[in-house]
Amino acid sequence: MQMQDIIRERLEAAFDPARLEVVNESAKHAGHAGDDGSGESHWHVAMTSAAFAGQGRVARHRMVHAALGDVMARIHALSLDLSEGE
C-alpha cells in the first residue's frame, strides 16, 4: 500500500472528515535534506472535521500525529491545514 493511501485511510478512520486532501509534495524536495529517495517523504494534508471543534492549532496537529501513529516515523515533513467542520 502506498503512503498516500495509508495516510488517507488512517485519517478517514480517525476523523470522518467532511473534506480530506492528501498531497504528495516529495518531488518538490528531491535532493534536499530529508529526501530518502522513496518519493514519499513530504506531505501536505488539508482536512475539515467536526472532531476539531473547540481544539486549538497545536491540539489538532497532535490529534493528526496520534492518528498516523507509526507512519510518522516514515514521514520527513508533514504540513497541515486543519479546520473544524460539521
C-alpha atoms as a PDB file:
ATOM      1  CA  MET A   1       0.000   0.000   0.000  1.00  0.00           C
ATOM      2  CA  GLN A   2       1.317   3.448  -0.884  1.00  0.00           C
ATOM      3  CA  MET A   3       1.904   6.047   1.819  1.00  0.00           C
ATOM      4  CA  GLN A   4      -0.821   8.316   0.412  1.00  0.00           C
ATOM      5  CA  ASP A   5      -3.372   5.525   0.811  1.00  0.00           C
ATOM      6  CA  ILE A   6      -2.197   4.751   4.341  1.00  0.00           C
ATOM      7  CA  ILE A   7      -2.439   8.396   5.391  1.00  0.00           C
ATOM      8  CA  ARG A   8      -5.894   8.765   3.839  1.00  0.00           C
ATOM      9  CA  GLU A   9      -7.172   5.534   5.407  1.00  0.00           C
ATOM     10  CA  ARG A  10      -5.987   6.397   8.915  1.00  0.00           C
ATOM     11  CA  LEU A  11      -7.292   9.964   8.808  1.00  0.00           C
ATOM     12  CA  GLU A  12     -10.674   8.909   7.440  1.00  0.00           C
ATOM     13  CA  ALA A  13     -10.996   6.302  10.193  1.00  0.00           C
ATOM     14  CA  ALA A  14      -9.992   8.708  12.963  1.00  0.00           C
ATOM     15  CA  PHE A  15     -11.782  11.896  11.888  1.00  0.00           C
ATOM     16  CA  ASP A  16     -14.601  11.089   9.437  1.00  0.00           C
ATOM     17  CA  PRO A  17     -13.634  14.266   7.577  1.00  0.00           C
ATOM     18  CA  ALA A  18     -16.018  16.390   5.545  1.00  0.00           C
ATOM     19  CA  ARG A  19     -13.006  17.246   3.356  1.00  0.00           C
ATOM     20  CA  LEU A  20      -9.664  15.480   3.038  1.00  0.00           C
ATOM     21  CA  GLU A  21      -6.849  16.222   0.629  1.00  0.00           C
ATOM     22  CA  VAL A  22      -3.580  14.302   0.846  1.00  0.00           C
ATOM     23  CA  VAL A  23      -0.927  15.723  -1.468  1.00  0.00           C
ATOM     24  CA  ASN A  24       2.487  14.191  -2.064  1.00  0.00           C
ATOM     25  CA  GLU A  25       4.945  17.108  -2.263  1.00  0.00           C
ATOM     26  CA  SER A  26       8.076  14.945  -2.276  1.00  0.00           C
ATOM     27  CA  ALA A  27       9.042  15.841  -5.847  1.00  0.00           C
ATOM     28  CA  LYS A  28       9.444  19.483  -4.779  1.00  0.00           C
ATOM     29  CA  HIS A  29      12.108  18.371  -2.302  1.00  0.00           C
ATOM     30  CA  ALA A  30      14.089  15.859  -4.369  1.00  0.00           C
ATOM     31  CA  GLY A  31      17.745  16.032  -3.432  1.00  0.00           C
ATOM     32  CA  HIS A  32      17.096  18.163  -0.346  1.00  0.00           C
ATOM     33  CA  ALA A  33      17.614  17.182   3.259  1.00  0.00           C
ATOM     34  CA  GLY A  34      15.085  14.595   4.312  1.00  0.00           C
ATOM     35  CA  ASP A  35      14.603  13.203   0.811  1.00  0.00           C
ATOM     36  CA  ASP A  36      15.069   9.481   1.319  1.00  0.00           C
ATOM     37  CA  GLY A  37      14.634   8.688  -2.367  1.00  0.00           C
ATOM     38  CA  SER A  38      11.298   6.943  -1.798  1.00  0.00           C
ATOM     39  CA  GLY A  39       9.241   9.734  -3.323  1.00  0.00           C
ATOM     40  CA  GLU A  40       7.032   9.569  -0.228  1.00  0.00           C
ATOM     41  CA  SER A  41       8.755  11.777   2.334  1.00  0.00           C
ATOM     42  CA  HIS A  42       6.978  15.163   2.137  1.00  0.00           C
ATOM     43  CA  TRP A  43       3.208  15.537   2.522  1.00  0.00           C
ATOM     44  CA  HIS A  44       0.509  18.179   2.762  1.00  0.00           C
ATOM     45  CA  VAL A  45      -2.853  17.381   4.344  1.00  0.00           C
ATOM     46  CA  ALA A  46      -5.877  19.676   4.210  1.00  0.00           C
ATOM     47  CA  MET A  47      -8.749  18.396   6.292  1.00  0.00           C
ATOM     48  CA  THR A  48     -12.050  19.630   7.689  1.00  0.00           C
ATOM     49  CA  SER A  49     -13.589  17.624  10.511  1.00  0.00           C
ATOM     50  CA  ALA A  50     -16.077  18.154  13.312  1.00  0.00           C
ATOM     51  CA  ALA A  51     -13.546  16.354  15.532  1.00  0.00           C
ATOM     52  CA  PHE A  52     -11.507  19.565  15.608  1.00  0.00           C
ATOM     53  CA  ALA A  53     -14.292  21.645  17.170  1.00  0.00           C
ATOM     54  CA  GLY A  54     -13.014  23.553  20.177  1.00  0.00           C
ATOM     55  CA  GLN A  55      -9.417  22.429  19.604  1.00  0.00           C
ATOM     56  CA  GLY A  56      -6.543  24.844  19.055  1.00  0.00           C
ATOM     57  CA  ARG A  57      -3.964  24.502  16.274  1.00  0.00           C
ATOM     58  CA  VAL A  58      -1.432  22.562  18.348  1.00  0.00           C
ATOM     59  CA  ALA A  59      -4.075  20.170  19.689  1.00  0.00           C
ATOM     60  CA  ARG A  60      -5.323  19.496  16.151  1.00  0.00           C
ATOM     61  CA  HIS A  61      -1.804  18.747  14.951  1.00  0.00           C
ATOM     62  CA  ARG A  62      -1.260  16.381  17.879  1.00  0.00           C
ATOM     63  CA  MET A  63      -4.514  14.596  17.042  1.00  0.00           C
ATOM     64  CA  VAL A  64      -3.372  14.014  13.463  1.00  0.00           C
ATOM     65  CA  HIS A  65       0.079  12.828  14.546  1.00  0.00           C
ATOM     66  CA  ALA A  66      -1.540  10.402  17.001  1.00  0.00           C
ATOM     67  CA  ALA A  67      -3.899   9.076  14.319  1.00  0.00           C
ATOM     68  CA  LEU A  68      -0.983   8.476  11.945  1.00  0.00           C
ATOM     69  CA  GLY A  69       0.960   6.717  14.702  1.00  0.00           C
ATOM     70  CA  ASP A  70       3.930   4.674  13.471  1.00  0.00           C
ATOM     71  CA  VAL A  71       3.617   6.164   9.970  1.00  0.00           C
ATOM     72  CA  MET A  72       5.039   9.436  11.297  1.00  0.00           C
ATOM     73  CA  ALA A  73       8.473   7.783  11.556  1.00  0.00           C
ATOM     74  CA  ARG A  74       8.438   7.366   7.754  1.00  0.00           C
ATOM     75  CA  ILE A  75       7.427  10.980   7.030  1.00  0.00           C
ATOM     76  CA  HIS A  76      10.091  13.680   6.913  1.00  0.00           C
ATOM     77  CA  ALA A  77       7.745  16.657   6.510  1.00  0.00           C
ATOM     78  CA  LEU A  78       4.014  16.975   7.069  1.00  0.00           C
ATOM     79  CA  SER A  79       2.268  20.314   6.587  1.00  0.00           C
ATOM     80  CA  LEU A  80      -1.260  20.515   7.943  1.00  0.00           C
ATOM     81  CA  ASP A  81      -4.186  22.782   7.123  1.00  0.00           C
ATOM     82  CA  LEU A  82      -6.875  21.707   9.606  1.00  0.00           C
ATOM     83  CA  SER A  83     -10.274  23.243  10.196  1.00  0.00           C
ATOM     84  CA  GLU A  84     -13.398  22.311  12.096  1.00  0.00           C
ATOM     85  CA  GLY A  85     -16.473  21.435  10.153  1.00  0.00           C
ATOM     86  CA  GLU A  86     -19.858  19.907  10.573  1.00  0.00           C
END
